[in-house]
C-alpha atoms as a PDB file:
ATOM      1  CA  UNK A   1      28.465  16.631  37.979  1.00  0.00           C
ATOM      2  CA  UNK A   2      24.648  16.301  38.193  1.00  0.00           C
ATOM      3  CA  UNK A   3      22.803  15.466  35.010  1.00  0.00           C
ATOM      4  CA  UNK A   4      20.573  18.164  33.527  1.00  0.00           C
ATOM      5  CA  UNK A   5      16.828  17.722  34.091  1.00  0.00           C
ATOM      6  CA  UNK A   6      15.037  15.675  31.463  1.00  0.00           C
ATOM      7  CA  UNK A   7      13.368  17.809  28.888  1.00  0.00           C
ATOM      8  CA  UNK A   8      10.844  16.587  26.350  1.00  0.00           C
ATOM      9  CA  UNK A   9      11.822  16.861  22.712  1.00  0.00           C
ATOM     10  CA  UNK A  10       8.688  18.807  21.965  1.00  0.00           C
ATOM     11  CA  UNK A  11       6.951  21.155  24.364  1.00  0.00           C
ATOM     12  CA  UNK A  12       3.384  19.896  24.360  1.00  0.00           C
ATOM     13  CA  UNK A  13       0.536  22.025  25.620  1.00  0.00           C
ATOM     14  CA  UNK A  14      -0.913  21.125  28.992  1.00  0.00           C
ATOM     15  CA  UNK A  15      -4.172  19.794  27.518  1.00  0.00           C
ATOM     16  CA  UNK A  16      -2.179  17.259  25.466  1.00  0.00           C
ATOM     17  CA  UNK A  17      -0.042  16.139  28.391  1.00  0.00           C
ATOM     18  CA  UNK A  18      -2.962  15.712  30.783  1.00  0.00           C
ATOM     19  CA  UNK A  19      -6.160  15.303  28.743  1.00  0.00           C
ATOM     20  CA  UNK A  20      -9.484  15.363  30.479  1.00  0.00           C
ATOM     21  CA  UNK A  21     -11.187  11.989  30.966  1.00  0.00           C
ATOM     22  CA  UNK A  22     -13.478  10.815  28.163  1.00  0.00           C
ATOM     23  CA  UNK A  23     -17.069  11.962  28.339  1.00  0.00           C
ATOM     24  CA  UNK A  24     -19.702   9.525  29.515  1.00  0.00           C
ATOM     25  CA  UNK A  25     -21.698   9.337  26.301  1.00  0.00           C
ATOM     26  CA  UNK A  26     -24.676   7.062  25.762  1.00  0.00           C
ATOM     27  CA  UNK A  27     -22.538   4.647  23.729  1.00  0.00           C
ATOM     28  CA  UNK A  28     -19.944   4.359  26.507  1.00  0.00           C
ATOM     29  CA  UNK A  29     -22.644   3.840  29.125  1.00  0.00           C
ATOM     30  CA  UNK A  30     -24.227   1.070  27.041  1.00  0.00           C
ATOM     31  CA  UNK A  31     -20.834  -0.525  26.471  1.00  0.00           C
ATOM     32  CA  UNK A  32     -20.179  -0.463  30.216  1.00  0.00           C
ATOM     33  CA  UNK A  33     -23.576  -2.076  30.838  1.00  0.00           C
ATOM     34  CA  UNK A  34     -22.820  -4.817  28.317  1.00  0.00           C
ATOM     35  CA  UNK A  35     -19.448  -5.436  29.979  1.00  0.00           C
ATOM     36  CA  UNK A  36     -21.052  -5.694  33.448  1.00  0.00           C
ATOM     37  CA  UNK A  37     -23.742  -8.230  32.438  1.00  0.00           C
ATOM     38  CA  UNK A  38     -22.093 -11.617  31.728  1.00  0.00           C
ATOM     39  CA  UNK A  39     -24.774 -12.820  29.284  1.00  0.00           C
ATOM     40  CA  UNK A  40     -24.504  -9.631  27.220  1.00  0.00           C
ATOM     41  CA  UNK A  41     -20.704  -9.754  27.264  1.00  0.00           C
ATOM     42  CA  UNK A  42     -20.806 -13.372  26.036  1.00  0.00           C
ATOM     43  CA  UNK A  43     -23.249 -12.404  23.264  1.00  0.00           C
ATOM     44  CA  UNK A  44     -20.930  -9.560  22.232  1.00  0.00           C
ATOM     45  CA  UNK A  45     -17.963 -11.951  22.034  1.00  0.00           C
ATOM     46  CA  UNK A  46     -20.008 -14.444  19.974  1.00  0.00           C
ATOM     47  CA  UNK A  47     -21.021 -11.654  17.586  1.00  0.00           C
ATOM     48  CA  UNK A  48     -17.387 -10.549  17.223  1.00  0.00           C
ATOM     49  CA  UNK A  49     -16.364 -14.164  16.516  1.00  0.00           C
ATOM     50  CA  UNK A  50     -19.157 -14.507  13.949  1.00  0.00           C
ATOM     51  CA  UNK A  51     -18.128 -11.263  12.213  1.00  0.00           C
ATOM     52  CA  UNK A  52     -14.491 -12.394  12.149  1.00  0.00           C
ATOM     53  CA  UNK A  53     -15.239 -15.659  10.357  1.00  0.00           C
ATOM     54  CA  UNK A  54     -13.819 -16.307   6.920  1.00  0.00           C
ATOM     55  CA  UNK A  55     -16.184 -15.590   4.075  1.00  0.00           C
ATOM     56  CA  UNK A  56     -16.973 -17.964   1.193  1.00  0.00           C
ATOM     57  CA  UNK A  57     -15.219 -15.640  -1.275  1.00  0.00           C
ATOM     58  CA  UNK A  58     -12.087 -15.718   0.900  1.00  0.00           C
ATOM     59  CA  UNK A  59     -12.047 -19.513   1.064  1.00  0.00           C
ATOM     60  CA  UNK A  60     -12.933 -20.140  -2.619  1.00  0.00           C
ATOM     61  CA  UNK A  61     -11.963 -17.038  -4.628  1.00  0.00           C
ATOM     62  CA  UNK A  62     -12.078 -18.680  -8.087  1.00  0.00           C
ATOM     63  CA  UNK A  63     -15.533 -20.174  -7.543  1.00  0.00           C
ATOM     64  CA  UNK A  64     -16.814 -16.860  -6.158  1.00  0.00           C
ATOM     65  CA  UNK A  65     -15.422 -14.984  -9.174  1.00  0.00           C
ATOM     66  CA  UNK A  66     -17.054 -17.403 -11.640  1.00  0.00           C
ATOM     67  CA  UNK A  67     -20.370 -17.225  -9.798  1.00  0.00           C
ATOM     68  CA  UNK A  68     -20.240 -13.420  -9.730  1.00  0.00           C
ATOM     69  CA  UNK A  69     -19.464 -13.284 -13.449  1.00  0.00           C
ATOM     70  CA  UNK A  70     -22.391 -15.571 -14.312  1.00  0.00           C
ATOM     71  CA  UNK A  71     -24.754 -13.554 -12.101  1.00  0.00           C
ATOM     72  CA  UNK A  72     -23.701 -10.247 -13.656  1.00  0.00           C
ATOM     73  CA  UNK A  73     -23.855 -11.645 -17.203  1.00  0.00           C
ATOM     74  CA  UNK A  74     -27.382 -13.027 -16.708  1.00  0.00           C
ATOM     75  CA  UNK A  75     -28.592  -9.828 -15.047  1.00  0.00           C
ATOM     76  CA  UNK A  76     -27.128  -7.607 -17.775  1.00  0.00           C
ATOM     77  CA  UNK A  77     -28.589  -9.821 -20.509  1.00  0.00           C
ATOM     78  CA  UNK A  78     -32.040  -9.678 -18.923  1.00  0.00           C
ATOM     79  CA  UNK A  79     -31.847  -5.889 -18.630  1.00  0.00           C
ATOM     80  CA  UNK A  80     -30.801  -5.480 -22.280  1.00  0.00           C
ATOM     81  CA  UNK A  81     -33.445  -7.915 -23.563  1.00  0.00           C
ATOM     82  CA  UNK A  82     -36.095  -6.210 -21.426  1.00  0.00           C
ATOM     83  CA  UNK A  83     -35.120  -2.803 -22.790  1.00  0.00           C
ATOM     84  CA  UNK A  84     -35.236  -4.084 -26.375  1.00  0.00           C
ATOM     85  CA  UNK A  85     -38.651  -5.657 -25.753  1.00  0.00           C
ATOM     86  CA  UNK A  86     -39.984  -2.386 -24.344  1.00  0.00           C
ATOM     87  CA  UNK A  87     -38.627  -0.487 -27.351  1.00  0.00           C
ATOM     88  CA  UNK A  88     -40.260  -3.014 -29.714  1.00  0.00           C
ATOM     89  CA  UNK A  89     -43.569  -2.850 -27.821  1.00  0.00           C
ATOM     90  CA  UNK A  90     -43.589   0.954 -27.902  1.00  0.00           C
ATOM     91  CA  UNK A  91     -42.825   1.034 -31.657  1.00  0.00           C
ATOM     92  CA  UNK A  92     -45.621  -1.415 -32.406  1.00  0.00           C
ATOM     93  CA  UNK A  93     -47.987   0.445 -30.065  1.00  0.00           C
ATOM     94  CA  UNK A  94     -48.521  -2.495 -27.776  1.00  0.00           C
ATOM     95  CA  UNK A  95     -47.889  -0.311 -24.754  1.00  0.00           C
END
């Protein structure tokens, strides 16, 4: 007995089964140019490697957290003291 023809589980529309090729946009043309020129392709790979490096905060999370806390505390203190000084100067008509 011959087996029945294979039938997909879902009937997809024709445009989903056979999509048209991607458009040749400016970004794809530039990417193709970079891939064709060896020096540009090497520079792209170096940039990807540089972007994939581990960050200081990833290597030393406790030290980064302490440094961030100190920075935020000093900045907030300076903003509050500056605001209080401006309020004092305005009250005493220095400004």
